Amino acid sequence: SRMAKPEEVLIVEDENGEIVRETMKDSDAIIMYKTMRETLVYLTHLNYDDTENIMLEKLQYQVDGSQWSWHNLNKLCWAVGSISGAMSEEDEKRFLVTVIKDLLGLCEMKRGKDNKAVVASNIMYVVGQYPRFLRAHWKFLKTVVNKLFEFMHELHPGVQDMAVDTFLKIAQKCRRKFVVLQVGEAMPFIDELCLGLRQTISDLEPGQIHVFYEALGYMVSAQVDVPTRDRLLIKLMEWPNQMWEEILAQAKQTSGESLQDPATMKQLQNIIRTNERIATALGHPYTVQLGHIYLPLLDVYKAYSEMINSTIAAAQSNAHVMHTSGVRAMRAVKKETLKLLVTYIERSEDNELVLNKFVPALLDPVLGDYVRSIPAARDPEVLSLFCSLINKLQSLMTPQVPRVFEAVFKSTLDMITKNFEDFLEHRLNLFSLLRAINHHCFPALLTEESNFTLMIESIKWAFKHTERNVAETGLHTLLELLQNVQASQVMNAFYQAYYVGLLQDVFSVLTDTLHKPGFKLQATILAHLFLAVEAGGPPPPPG
């Protein structure tokens, strides 16, 4: 009766005794739950019969009503879920069947929305904790998933969230079961699911639909036959793609005017976010779907860029216009687009494909827009996108680095060097991008001396920063740059030009209490600089 609440449970009893959806994670309770779970697992290993009997006895008190309360049932079910995997498979099967049967009976028996919501949330939590059992018993797994689909139509706060979250957890752990033909079934479950997809998600909120599609993505990823997997993906994306095509057709008819409709912008955000969740779950095979929407997606991105710039121009570059609902919604579509591309790039497995098919079309709409926009309209996600591209493609991106440098580097530096506070996300992302370029595409930095000098100054600016993450990235970048220089032909020229300045600036942060957290890296850099001279590197120029 003292079991702490696990992280996955979203339905809680508030201080007024109402059943509500939890809005914030209780980190103390989560730590306590992990400790208690560990203790219960040890006790189960010591004597599983005793643990099972105690839990089933307490469950019987809930069923007969003698100790019924939301509090008691919650605590008991959290304890039941915590010992997953601690029993042998046979014992676990017997135990779990009894628990679920009693809980389903309790759900039927109890009257009142709140009572049913509490029992439903506990059923969902317990079944989600036992993937080994679900994988071994298809009929039971199918019954559980269909029950989750029922809960997805239950409008009590928190029940739908728990239903889609549990569905996602089961899809991740049992994905293969849904794509192969099971004994006694006419078709694989995922084909059946496709037929009733719209009905299943008809009562869900957009955020819940995104989680649902992510779960479907994990299922599709388990299909090893490539043509079947691609067919499944296209089938699942039929509805979002249909809405996408309708929006594009409408935009074409109205010369882009319809794209400014708030409902259309909201719909676009949801479609792109759905794609992003599928890409997260599916990884590289998502290429089939991205290929279908990629060029129109960049056209929409470009159209919104132009609309934002026109709105700003009409307002005579007044930055306040950035906070209007229309501009915010347009930027949201652009940000979702960039996030989708970052997810795909990070999960892709064919670097040549990304380089040749996706990068060329990306450069003008994204980089060109970044340069042309006023500072307040520049999206920091653009820097993240190119950082991901360079980290993924590595030296393959070297020929593109000068263009990336020219588009984002100077313009972003102008934004962030006025003070240490504004555009924090741009700062972090720019210095992460610099680090990626230095790490993977160092030869590109040597093509133009003025760019190299600018980069050194930027690194100095970064490690002098009071924001710890920025300063740390700056120090890491400097250390990696010095290591690259050491192994290059430009070592002598580099030290003659920059040695004294770097030495002075590293000493200045080393002796500044605000930069104490970076002490270890600062000392490593100083050691590197001293050793460079000792090993016969050029002495610093006089004066």
Protein backbone atom coordinates (compact mmCIF):
# COMPACT_ATOMS: atom_id res chain seq x y z
CA SER A 1 0.00 0.00 0.00
CA ARG A 2 3.05 2.30 0.06
CA MET A 3 4.23 1.71 -3.54
CA ALA A 4 5.38 4.93 -5.26
CA LYS A 5 3.90 6.03 -8.60
CA PRO A 6 5.78 5.02 -11.77
CA GLU A 7 6.56 7.51 -14.52
CA GLU A 8 4.14 6.00 -17.08
CA VAL A 9 0.99 6.53 -14.98
CA LEU A 10 -0.81 9.71 -16.05
CA ILE A 11 -4.07 9.44 -14.09
CA VAL A 12 -3.79 10.51 -10.45
CA GLU A 13 -5.99 11.52 -7.54
CA ASP A 14 -5.59 15.22 -6.71
CA GLU A 15 -5.76 16.87 -3.27
CA ASN A 16 -9.56 17.26 -3.66
CA GLY A 17 -10.07 13.54 -4.28
CA GLU A 18 -10.76 14.08 -8.00
CA ILE A 19 -9.34 11.83 -10.73
CA VAL A 20 -7.29 14.06 -13.07
CA ARG A 21 -4.54 13.88 -15.66
CA GLU A 22 -1.09 14.54 -14.21
CA THR A 23 0.46 17.64 -15.75
CA MET A 24 3.97 17.48 -14.30
CA LYS A 25 6.37 14.63 -13.50
CA ASP A 26 7.13 14.12 -9.80
CA SER A 27 10.86 13.32 -9.92
CA ASP A 28 11.04 12.38 -6.20
CA ALA A 29 8.26 9.81 -6.66
CA ILE A 30 10.02 8.38 -9.75
CA ILE A 31 13.30 7.89 -7.81
CA MET A 32 11.34 6.31 -4.92
CA TYR A 33 9.50 4.01 -7.38
CA LYS A 34 12.79 2.77 -8.87
CA THR A 35 14.16 1.92 -5.41
CA MET A 36 10.94 0.17 -4.38
CA ARG A 37 10.79 -1.76 -7.66
CA GLU A 38 14.33 -3.02 -7.10
CA THR A 39 13.42 -4.14 -3.57
CA LEU A 40 10.29 -5.97 -4.77
CA VAL A 41 12.26 -7.73 -7.51
CA TYR A 42 14.78 -8.99 -4.89
CA LEU A 43 11.93 -10.18 -2.65
CA THR A 44 10.30 -11.98 -5.62
CA HIS A 45 13.58 -13.74 -6.39
CA LEU A 46 13.80 -14.84 -2.75
CA ASN A 47 10.25 -16.21 -2.61
CA TYR A 48 8.01 -15.69 -5.61
CA ASP A 49 5.13 -17.79 -4.13
CA ASP A 50 4.91 -15.50 -1.14
CA THR A 51 5.03 -12.31 -3.29
CA GLU A 52 2.36 -13.70 -5.64
CA ASN A 53 0.04 -14.78 -2.81
CA ILE A 54 0.27 -11.40 -1.05
CA MET A 55 -0.51 -9.50 -4.26
CA LEU A 56 -3.41 -11.77 -5.31
CA GLU A 57 -4.88 -11.63 -1.79
CA LYS A 58 -4.80 -7.83 -1.86
CA LEU A 59 -6.36 -7.86 -5.34
CA GLN A 60 -9.18 -10.08 -4.00
CA TYR A 61 -9.93 -7.42 -1.37
CA GLN A 62 -10.35 -4.91 -4.23
CA VAL A 63 -12.68 -7.23 -6.16
CA ASP A 64 -14.92 -8.07 -3.19
CA GLY A 65 -14.99 -4.38 -2.20
CA SER A 66 -13.76 -4.90 1.37
CA GLN A 67 -10.70 -2.68 0.84
CA TRP A 68 -11.72 -0.93 -2.39
CA SER A 69 -10.27 2.52 -2.96
CA TRP A 70 -8.51 4.25 -5.83
CA HIS A 71 -5.42 4.64 -3.67
CA ASN A 72 -5.22 0.94 -2.73
CA LEU A 73 -5.84 -0.32 -6.28
CA ASN A 74 -3.25 2.08 -7.77
CA LYS A 75 -0.54 1.09 -5.29
CA LEU A 76 -1.22 -2.61 -5.76
CA CYS A 77 -1.13 -2.44 -9.58
CA TRP A 78 2.08 -0.38 -9.57
CA ALA A 79 3.64 -3.12 -7.42
CA VAL A 80 2.32 -5.85 -9.78
CA GLY A 81 3.82 -4.03 -12.80
CA SER A 82 7.17 -3.52 -11.07
CA ILE A 83 8.06 -7.24 -10.78
CA SER A 84 7.86 -7.99 -14.51
CA GLY A 85 10.55 -10.53 -15.48
CA ALA A 86 11.28 -11.55 -11.87
CA MET A 87 9.31 -14.83 -12.09
CA SER A 88 9.74 -17.79 -14.41
CA GLU A 89 7.70 -17.55 -17.61
CA GLU A 90 5.18 -20.19 -16.47
CA ASP A 91 4.64 -18.57 -13.06
CA GLU A 92 4.37 -15.12 -14.67
CA LYS A 93 1.72 -16.41 -17.08
CA ARG A 94 -0.45 -17.85 -14.29
CA PHE A 95 -0.06 -14.74 -12.13
CA LEU A 96 -0.74 -12.21 -14.90
CA VAL A 97 -3.81 -14.01 -16.33
CA THR A 98 -5.38 -13.97 -12.83
CA VAL A 99 -4.57 -10.28 -12.32
CA ILE A 100 -5.88 -9.12 -15.71
CA LYS A 101 -9.03 -11.26 -15.45
CA ASP A 102 -9.82 -9.76 -12.04
CA LEU A 103 -9.10 -6.21 -13.23
CA LEU A 104 -11.30 -6.59 -16.33
CA GLY A 105 -14.06 -7.95 -14.11
CA LEU A 106 -13.61 -4.98 -11.78
CA CYS A 107 -13.84 -2.57 -14.74
CA GLU A 108 -17.17 -4.12 -15.81
CA MET A 109 -18.50 -4.16 -12.25
CA LYS A 110 -17.66 -0.61 -11.16
CA ARG A 111 -20.06 2.23 -11.90
CA GLY A 112 -19.09 5.84 -12.51
CA LYS A 113 -16.62 7.40 -14.95
CA ASP A 114 -13.93 8.04 -12.32
CA ASN A 115 -13.97 4.46 -11.03
CA LYS A 116 -13.77 3.03 -14.55
CA ALA A 117 -10.94 5.46 -15.46
CA VAL A 118 -8.87 4.33 -12.45
CA VAL A 119 -9.32 0.62 -13.23
CA ALA A 120 -8.67 1.21 -16.97
CA SER A 121 -5.45 3.10 -16.25
CA ASN A 122 -4.25 0.24 -14.02
CA ILE A 123 -5.07 -2.41 -16.65
CA MET A 124 -3.08 -0.42 -19.22
CA TYR A 125 -0.13 0.02 -16.88
CA VAL A 126 0.06 -3.68 -15.90
CA VAL A 127 -0.21 -5.09 -19.46
CA GLY A 128 2.40 -2.62 -20.72
CA GLN A 129 4.87 -3.94 -18.13
CA TYR A 130 4.75 -7.58 -19.31
CA PRO A 131 5.96 -7.71 -22.96
CA ARG A 132 7.43 -11.23 -22.56
CA PHE A 133 4.00 -12.61 -21.74
CA LEU A 134 2.32 -10.64 -24.55
CA ARG A 135 4.84 -11.89 -27.13
CA ALA A 136 4.16 -15.49 -26.11
CA HIS A 137 0.33 -15.24 -26.21
CA TRP A 138 -1.00 -13.71 -29.40
CA LYS A 139 -4.74 -14.02 -28.56
CA PHE A 140 -4.18 -12.20 -25.30
CA LEU A 141 -2.03 -9.54 -27.00
CA LYS A 142 -4.74 -8.94 -29.60
CA THR A 143 -7.42 -8.66 -26.90
CA VAL A 144 -5.27 -6.15 -24.97
CA VAL A 145 -4.65 -3.99 -28.05
CA ASN A 146 -8.36 -4.00 -28.98
CA LYS A 147 -9.15 -2.98 -25.39
CA LEU A 148 -6.67 -0.09 -25.76
CA PHE A 149 -8.52 0.95 -28.93
CA GLU A 150 -11.73 1.04 -26.88
CA PHE A 151 -10.04 3.23 -24.26
CA MET A 152 -8.99 5.61 -27.08
CA HIS A 153 -12.67 6.60 -27.36
CA GLU A 154 -12.99 7.20 -23.60
CA LEU A 155 -13.06 10.98 -23.05
CA HIS A 156 -12.17 10.97 -19.33
CA PRO A 157 -8.98 13.09 -18.78
CA GLY A 158 -5.83 11.02 -19.12
CA VAL A 159 -7.38 7.72 -20.28
CA GLN A 160 -6.69 8.35 -24.00
CA ASP A 161 -3.13 9.49 -23.23
CA MET A 162 -2.42 6.32 -21.29
CA ALA A 163 -4.06 4.21 -24.01
CA VAL A 164 -1.83 5.61 -26.80
CA ASP A 165 1.28 5.56 -24.59
CA THR A 166 0.66 1.91 -23.66
CA PHE A 167 -0.02 1.08 -27.33
CA LEU A 168 3.34 2.69 -28.22
CA LYS A 169 5.16 0.71 -25.51
CA ILE A 170 3.56 -2.58 -26.67
CA ALA A 171 4.31 -1.77 -30.34
CA GLN A 172 7.99 -1.20 -29.47
CA LYS A 173 8.30 -4.41 -27.45
CA CYS A 174 6.09 -6.76 -29.57
CA ARG A 175 6.41 -5.16 -33.03
CA ARG A 176 7.11 -8.40 -34.94
CA LYS A 177 3.85 -10.01 -33.75
CA PHE A 178 1.75 -7.44 -35.59
CA VAL A 179 3.26 -7.89 -39.07
CA VAL A 180 3.34 -11.69 -39.37
CA LEU A 181 0.26 -13.81 -40.04
CA GLN A 182 -0.78 -15.39 -36.73
CA VAL A 183 -2.46 -18.83 -36.44
CA GLY A 184 -6.22 -18.55 -36.92
CA GLU A 185 -6.09 -15.04 -38.42
CA ALA A 186 -7.15 -14.10 -41.96
CA MET A 187 -4.46 -11.40 -42.29
CA PRO A 188 -1.60 -9.84 -40.25
CA PHE A 189 -2.93 -7.54 -37.52
CA ILE A 190 -1.41 -4.44 -39.10
CA ASP A 191 -3.47 -4.97 -42.28
CA GLU A 192 -6.60 -5.29 -40.16
CA LEU A 193 -5.59 -2.15 -38.28
CA CYS A 194 -5.20 -0.21 -41.56
CA LEU A 195 -8.80 -1.02 -42.53
CA GLY A 196 -10.24 0.56 -39.38
CA LEU A 197 -7.54 3.21 -38.83
CA ARG A 198 -9.67 6.34 -39.18
CA GLN A 199 -12.35 4.97 -36.85
CA THR A 200 -9.74 3.96 -34.24
CA ILE A 201 -8.20 7.44 -34.02
CA SER A 202 -11.41 9.42 -34.60
CA ASP A 203 -11.67 10.65 -30.98
CA LEU A 204 -7.96 11.31 -30.38
CA GLU A 205 -6.33 14.75 -30.09
CA PRO A 206 -3.56 15.64 -32.63
CA GLY A 207 -0.75 14.95 -30.11
CA GLN A 208 -2.23 11.52 -29.34
CA ILE A 209 -2.54 10.75 -33.08
CA HIS A 210 1.20 11.49 -33.49
CA VAL A 211 2.02 8.93 -30.74
CA PHE A 212 -0.34 6.42 -32.39
CA TYR A 213 1.43 6.82 -35.75
CA GLU A 214 4.82 6.43 -34.06
CA ALA A 215 3.59 3.08 -32.71
CA LEU A 216 2.52 2.08 -36.24
CA GLY A 217 6.01 3.06 -37.47
CA TYR A 218 7.61 0.61 -35.01
CA MET A 219 5.29 -2.14 -36.26
CA VAL A 220 6.14 -1.46 -39.91
CA SER A 221 9.86 -1.45 -39.08
CA ALA A 222 9.56 -5.12 -38.03
CA GLN A 223 8.58 -6.20 -41.56
CA VAL A 224 11.74 -7.63 -43.13
CA ASP A 225 10.35 -8.00 -46.66
CA VAL A 226 11.15 -4.61 -48.28
CA PRO A 227 8.29 -4.42 -50.87
CA THR A 228 5.74 -5.45 -48.20
CA ARG A 229 7.18 -2.91 -45.75
CA ASP A 230 7.00 -0.11 -48.34
CA ARG A 231 3.42 -1.07 -49.24
CA LEU A 232 2.45 -0.99 -45.55
CA LEU A 233 4.04 2.44 -45.08
CA ILE A 234 2.17 3.93 -48.05
CA LYS A 235 -1.06 2.34 -46.77
CA LEU A 236 -0.60 3.81 -43.27
CA MET A 237 0.24 7.25 -44.64
CA GLU A 238 -2.77 7.24 -47.00
CA TRP A 239 -4.88 9.60 -44.90
CA PRO A 240 -2.14 12.17 -44.02
CA ASN A 241 -0.99 12.08 -47.67
CA GLN A 242 -4.55 12.66 -48.89
CA MET A 243 -4.86 15.76 -46.65
CA TRP A 244 -1.40 16.88 -47.84
CA GLU A 245 -2.44 16.60 -51.53
CA GLU A 246 -5.67 18.52 -50.87
CA ILE A 247 -3.76 21.38 -49.21
CA LEU A 248 -1.29 21.54 -52.13
CA ALA A 249 -4.13 21.51 -54.72
CA GLN A 250 -5.93 24.30 -52.85
CA ALA A 251 -2.70 26.35 -52.64
CA LYS A 252 -2.17 25.94 -56.37
CA GLN A 253 -5.70 27.14 -57.15
CA THR A 254 -5.40 30.20 -54.90
CA SER A 255 -1.78 31.08 -55.81
CA GLY A 256 -0.71 30.27 -52.25
CA GLU A 257 -3.36 32.38 -50.51
CA SER A 258 -4.97 29.36 -48.85
CA LEU A 259 -1.68 28.61 -47.05
CA GLN A 260 -2.33 31.65 -44.83
CA ASP A 261 -5.55 30.16 -43.45
CA PRO A 262 -4.98 29.37 -39.72
CA ALA A 263 -6.74 25.97 -39.99
CA THR A 264 -4.54 25.02 -42.97
CA MET A 265 -1.37 26.00 -41.08
CA LYS A 266 -2.47 23.91 -38.08
CA GLN A 267 -3.22 20.97 -40.37
CA LEU A 268 0.19 21.26 -42.03
CA GLN A 269 1.93 21.25 -38.65
CA ASN A 270 0.07 18.07 -37.70
CA ILE A 271 0.80 16.32 -41.01
CA ILE A 272 4.52 17.14 -40.82
CA ARG A 273 4.67 16.14 -37.14
CA THR A 274 2.99 12.80 -37.98
CA ASN A 275 5.68 12.25 -40.63
CA GLU A 276 8.39 13.11 -38.10
CA ARG A 277 7.11 10.51 -35.60
CA ILE A 278 6.95 7.86 -38.34
CA ALA A 279 10.54 8.76 -39.36
CA THR A 280 11.65 8.45 -35.70
CA ALA A 281 10.20 4.96 -35.44
CA LEU A 282 10.96 3.64 -38.91
CA GLY A 283 14.41 5.08 -39.59
CA HIS A 284 15.92 4.74 -43.06
CA PRO A 285 12.91 2.94 -44.69
CA TYR A 286 11.00 6.24 -44.22
CA THR A 287 12.87 7.36 -47.39
CA VAL A 288 9.93 6.03 -49.48
CA GLN A 289 7.47 8.42 -47.83
CA LEU A 290 9.89 11.38 -47.70
CA GLY A 291 10.58 10.99 -51.43
CA HIS A 292 6.83 11.39 -51.99
CA ILE A 293 6.53 14.73 -50.16
CA TYR A 294 10.08 16.17 -50.17
CA LEU A 295 10.06 18.73 -53.02
CA PRO A 296 6.52 20.03 -52.30
CA LEU A 297 7.56 20.30 -48.63
CA LEU A 298 10.48 22.57 -49.57
CA ASP A 299 8.11 24.61 -51.79
CA VAL A 300 5.78 25.11 -48.82
CA TYR A 301 8.81 26.07 -46.66
CA LYS A 302 9.88 28.62 -49.29
CA ALA A 303 6.35 30.00 -49.63
CA TYR A 304 6.08 30.62 -45.88
CA SER A 305 9.55 32.22 -45.85
CA GLU A 306 8.43 34.68 -48.52
CA MET A 307 5.13 35.39 -46.72
CA ILE A 308 6.95 36.10 -43.44
CA ASN A 309 9.43 38.42 -45.18
CA SER A 310 6.56 40.26 -46.97
CA THR A 311 4.70 40.67 -43.66
CA ILE A 312 7.86 42.07 -42.02
CA ALA A 313 8.51 44.41 -44.97
CA ALA A 314 4.91 45.68 -44.82
CA ALA A 315 5.40 46.39 -41.11
CA GLN A 316 8.63 48.30 -41.95
CA SER A 317 10.85 45.66 -40.31
CA ASN A 318 9.09 46.03 -36.96
CA ALA A 319 10.18 42.93 -34.98
CA HIS A 320 6.87 42.96 -33.03
CA VAL A 321 5.15 41.51 -36.08
CA MET A 322 7.02 38.25 -35.29
CA HIS A 323 4.67 37.74 -32.32
CA THR A 324 1.42 37.88 -34.31
CA SER A 325 -0.49 34.58 -34.49
CA GLY A 326 -0.17 34.38 -38.31
CA VAL A 327 3.63 34.71 -38.39
CA ARG A 328 4.01 32.36 -35.40
CA ALA A 329 1.94 29.70 -37.18
CA MET A 330 3.98 30.06 -40.41
CA ARG A 331 7.22 29.71 -38.45
CA ALA A 332 5.81 26.65 -36.68
CA VAL A 333 5.32 24.92 -40.06
CA LYS A 334 8.92 25.79 -41.02
CA LYS A 335 10.29 24.54 -37.68
CA GLU A 336 8.37 21.25 -37.99
CA THR A 337 9.81 20.83 -41.51
CA LEU A 338 13.37 21.32 -40.26
CA LYS A 339 12.76 18.94 -37.35
CA LEU A 340 11.48 16.26 -39.75
CA LEU A 341 14.59 16.62 -41.94
CA VAL A 342 16.92 16.42 -38.92
CA THR A 343 15.16 13.24 -37.71
CA TYR A 344 15.41 11.61 -41.14
CA ILE A 345 19.08 12.55 -41.63
CA GLU A 346 20.05 11.21 -38.20
CA ARG A 347 18.23 7.92 -38.84
CA SER A 348 19.25 7.45 -42.50
CA GLU A 349 21.74 4.73 -43.50
CA ASP A 350 22.69 5.74 -47.06
CA ASN A 351 24.97 8.79 -47.00
CA GLU A 352 25.36 8.94 -50.78
CA LEU A 353 21.56 9.03 -51.21
CA VAL A 354 21.19 11.88 -48.70
CA LEU A 355 24.08 13.80 -50.31
CA ASN A 356 22.88 13.45 -53.90
CA LYS A 357 19.09 13.35 -53.59
CA PHE A 358 18.27 15.53 -50.60
CA VAL A 359 21.09 18.05 -49.97
CA PRO A 360 21.10 19.93 -53.35
CA ALA A 361 17.38 20.79 -53.21
CA LEU A 362 17.77 21.91 -49.59
CA LEU A 363 20.47 24.55 -49.98
CA ASP A 364 18.60 27.45 -51.56
CA PRO A 365 15.22 27.30 -49.77
CA VAL A 366 16.83 26.87 -46.35
CA LEU A 367 20.20 28.69 -46.51
CA GLY A 368 18.94 31.43 -48.83
CA ASP A 369 15.97 32.12 -46.57
CA TYR A 370 18.23 32.26 -43.47
CA VAL A 371 20.43 34.98 -45.00
CA ARG A 372 17.51 37.03 -46.35
CA SER A 373 15.50 37.03 -43.10
CA ILE A 374 15.77 39.63 -40.35
CA PRO A 375 17.57 38.26 -37.23
CA ALA A 376 14.32 37.69 -35.29
CA ALA A 377 12.95 35.55 -38.15
CA ARG A 378 15.97 33.24 -38.44
CA ASP A 379 15.25 29.74 -37.18
CA PRO A 380 17.98 28.19 -34.98
CA GLU A 381 16.83 24.78 -36.31
CA VAL A 382 18.57 25.65 -39.61
CA LEU A 383 21.90 25.50 -37.76
CA SER A 384 20.85 22.19 -36.16
CA LEU A 385 19.96 20.78 -39.57
CA PHE A 386 23.38 21.50 -41.09
CA CYS A 387 25.11 20.33 -37.91
CA SER A 388 23.24 17.00 -38.27
CA LEU A 389 24.12 16.83 -41.98
CA ILE A 390 27.84 17.33 -41.32
CA ASN A 391 27.89 14.90 -38.39
CA LYS A 392 26.15 12.32 -40.56
CA LEU A 393 27.87 12.79 -43.93
CA GLN A 394 31.22 13.87 -42.42
CA SER A 395 33.90 14.56 -45.07
CA LEU A 396 31.34 14.10 -47.88
CA MET A 397 29.98 17.54 -46.89
CA THR A 398 33.38 19.28 -47.22
CA PRO A 399 32.60 20.78 -50.70
CA GLN A 400 29.37 22.32 -49.31
CA VAL A 401 30.95 23.84 -46.19
CA PRO A 402 32.02 27.19 -47.79
CA ARG A 403 28.42 27.76 -48.88
CA VAL A 404 27.04 26.86 -45.45
CA PHE A 405 29.70 29.04 -43.80
CA GLU A 406 28.90 32.00 -46.02
CA ALA A 407 25.14 31.72 -45.43
CA VAL A 408 24.92 31.18 -41.69
CA PHE A 409 28.20 32.10 -40.07
CA LYS A 410 28.64 35.86 -40.41
CA SER A 411 24.89 36.56 -40.19
CA THR A 412 24.55 34.56 -36.94
CA LEU A 413 27.71 36.04 -35.41
CA ASP A 414 26.30 39.54 -35.94
CA MET A 415 23.23 38.45 -33.96
CA ILE A 416 25.05 36.95 -30.98
CA THR A 417 28.14 39.12 -30.42
CA LYS A 418 26.22 42.19 -29.25
CA ASN A 419 25.79 40.65 -25.77
CA PHE A 420 25.80 37.30 -23.94
CA GLU A 421 21.99 36.99 -23.57
CA ASP A 422 20.09 37.29 -26.87
CA PHE A 423 19.44 34.36 -29.23
CA LEU A 424 20.71 31.69 -26.83
CA GLU A 425 19.53 28.79 -29.03
CA HIS A 426 21.34 30.28 -32.03
CA ARG A 427 24.53 30.48 -29.95
CA LEU A 428 24.44 26.86 -28.86
CA ASN A 429 23.57 25.62 -32.35
CA LEU A 430 26.16 27.78 -34.13
CA PHE A 431 29.01 26.58 -31.92
CA SER A 432 27.84 22.97 -32.27
CA LEU A 433 27.90 23.48 -36.06
CA LEU A 434 31.42 24.96 -35.86
CA ARG A 435 32.57 22.00 -33.84
CA ALA A 436 31.10 19.58 -36.41
CA ILE A 437 32.79 21.42 -39.32
CA ASN A 438 36.14 21.45 -37.52
CA HIS A 439 35.81 17.77 -36.60
CA HIS A 440 34.71 16.37 -39.97
CA CYS A 441 35.52 18.97 -42.65
CA PHE A 442 38.70 20.67 -41.39
CA PRO A 443 40.24 21.11 -44.91
CA ALA A 444 37.27 23.34 -45.84
CA LEU A 445 38.33 25.84 -43.15
CA LEU A 446 41.75 26.34 -44.78
CA THR A 447 40.34 27.52 -48.13
CA GLU A 448 39.96 31.15 -47.05
CA GLU A 449 42.10 32.91 -44.43
CA SER A 450 39.48 35.52 -43.48
CA ASN A 451 36.97 32.75 -42.64
CA PHE A 452 39.60 30.98 -40.55
CA THR A 453 40.38 34.14 -38.56
CA LEU A 454 36.65 34.70 -38.05
CA MET A 455 36.32 31.16 -36.76
CA ILE A 456 39.18 31.60 -34.25
CA GLU A 457 37.54 34.79 -32.97
CA SER A 458 34.21 32.96 -32.68
CA ILE A 459 35.78 30.14 -30.69
CA LYS A 460 37.30 32.73 -28.33
CA TRP A 461 33.88 34.36 -27.99
CA ALA A 462 32.37 30.95 -27.22
CA PHE A 463 34.75 29.90 -24.46
CA LYS A 464 34.50 33.35 -22.81
CA HIS A 465 30.71 32.90 -22.68
CA THR A 466 29.00 32.81 -19.26
CA GLU A 467 26.53 30.13 -20.44
CA ARG A 468 28.22 26.88 -19.43
CA ASN A 469 27.10 24.81 -22.47
CA VAL A 470 28.38 27.44 -24.92
CA ALA A 471 31.71 27.83 -23.10
CA GLU A 472 32.22 24.06 -22.96
CA THR A 473 31.47 23.65 -26.69
CA GLY A 474 33.96 26.47 -27.41
CA LEU A 475 36.72 24.77 -25.39
CA HIS A 476 36.07 21.38 -27.00
CA THR A 477 36.15 22.99 -30.46
CA LEU A 478 39.43 24.79 -29.71
CA LEU A 479 41.09 21.62 -28.43
CA GLU A 480 39.98 19.65 -31.50
CA LEU A 481 41.10 22.51 -33.78
CA LEU A 482 44.57 22.52 -32.18
CA GLN A 483 44.80 18.76 -32.68
CA ASN A 484 43.81 19.14 -36.36
CA VAL A 485 46.33 21.95 -36.84
CA GLN A 486 49.07 19.85 -35.21
CA ALA A 487 48.59 17.18 -37.86
CA SER A 488 48.40 19.63 -40.82
CA GLN A 489 50.78 21.56 -43.05
CA VAL A 490 49.65 24.93 -41.64
CA MET A 491 50.93 24.39 -38.09
CA ASN A 492 53.78 26.94 -38.22
CA ALA A 493 51.71 29.66 -39.89
CA PHE A 494 48.81 29.03 -37.47
CA TYR A 495 50.95 29.41 -34.33
CA GLN A 496 52.71 32.51 -35.63
CA ALA A 497 49.34 34.16 -36.29
CA TYR A 498 47.28 33.03 -33.30
CA TYR A 499 49.49 31.56 -30.52
CA VAL A 500 49.86 34.59 -28.23
CA GLY A 501 46.24 35.66 -28.58
CA LEU A 502 44.97 32.17 -27.73
CA LEU A 503 47.35 31.88 -24.78
CA GLN A 504 46.17 35.21 -23.34
CA ASP A 505 42.47 34.39 -23.79
CA VAL A 506 42.74 30.91 -22.29
CA PHE A 507 44.61 32.35 -19.30
CA SER A 508 41.93 35.03 -18.89
CA VAL A 509 39.12 32.44 -18.53
CA LEU A 510 41.32 30.12 -16.45
CA THR A 511 41.74 32.84 -13.84
CA ASP A 512 38.09 33.98 -13.96
CA THR A 513 35.86 32.38 -11.28
CA LEU A 514 32.84 32.54 -13.60
CA HIS A 515 34.51 29.91 -15.81
CA LYS A 516 35.47 27.48 -13.05
CA PRO A 517 33.50 24.52 -14.52
CA GLY A 518 35.76 24.52 -17.62
CA PHE A 519 39.01 24.26 -15.62
CA LYS A 520 39.95 20.76 -16.79
CA LEU A 521 39.52 21.60 -20.49
CA GLN A 522 41.27 24.96 -20.09
CA ALA A 523 44.28 23.24 -18.48
CA THR A 524 44.34 20.59 -21.26
CA ILE A 525 44.40 23.34 -23.92
CA LEU A 526 47.22 25.19 -22.11
CA ALA A 527 49.22 21.96 -21.88
CA HIS A 528 48.70 21.45 -25.62
CA LEU A 529 49.94 24.99 -26.37
CA PHE A 530 53.02 24.57 -24.13
CA LEU A 531 53.89 21.18 -25.61
CA ALA A 532 53.58 22.59 -29.14
CA VAL A 533 56.45 25.01 -28.41
CA GLU A 534 58.46 22.40 -26.52
CA ALA A 535 58.16 19.95 -29.42
CA GLY A 536 59.78 22.43 -31.75
CA GLY A 537 56.78 24.42 -32.84
CA PRO A 538 57.43 28.05 -33.69
CA PRO A 539 58.05 30.43 -30.82
CA PRO A 540 55.48 33.16 -30.59
CA PRO A 541 56.31 36.26 -32.65
CA PRO A 542 58.15 38.98 -30.70
CA GLY A 543 56.17 41.69 -29.02
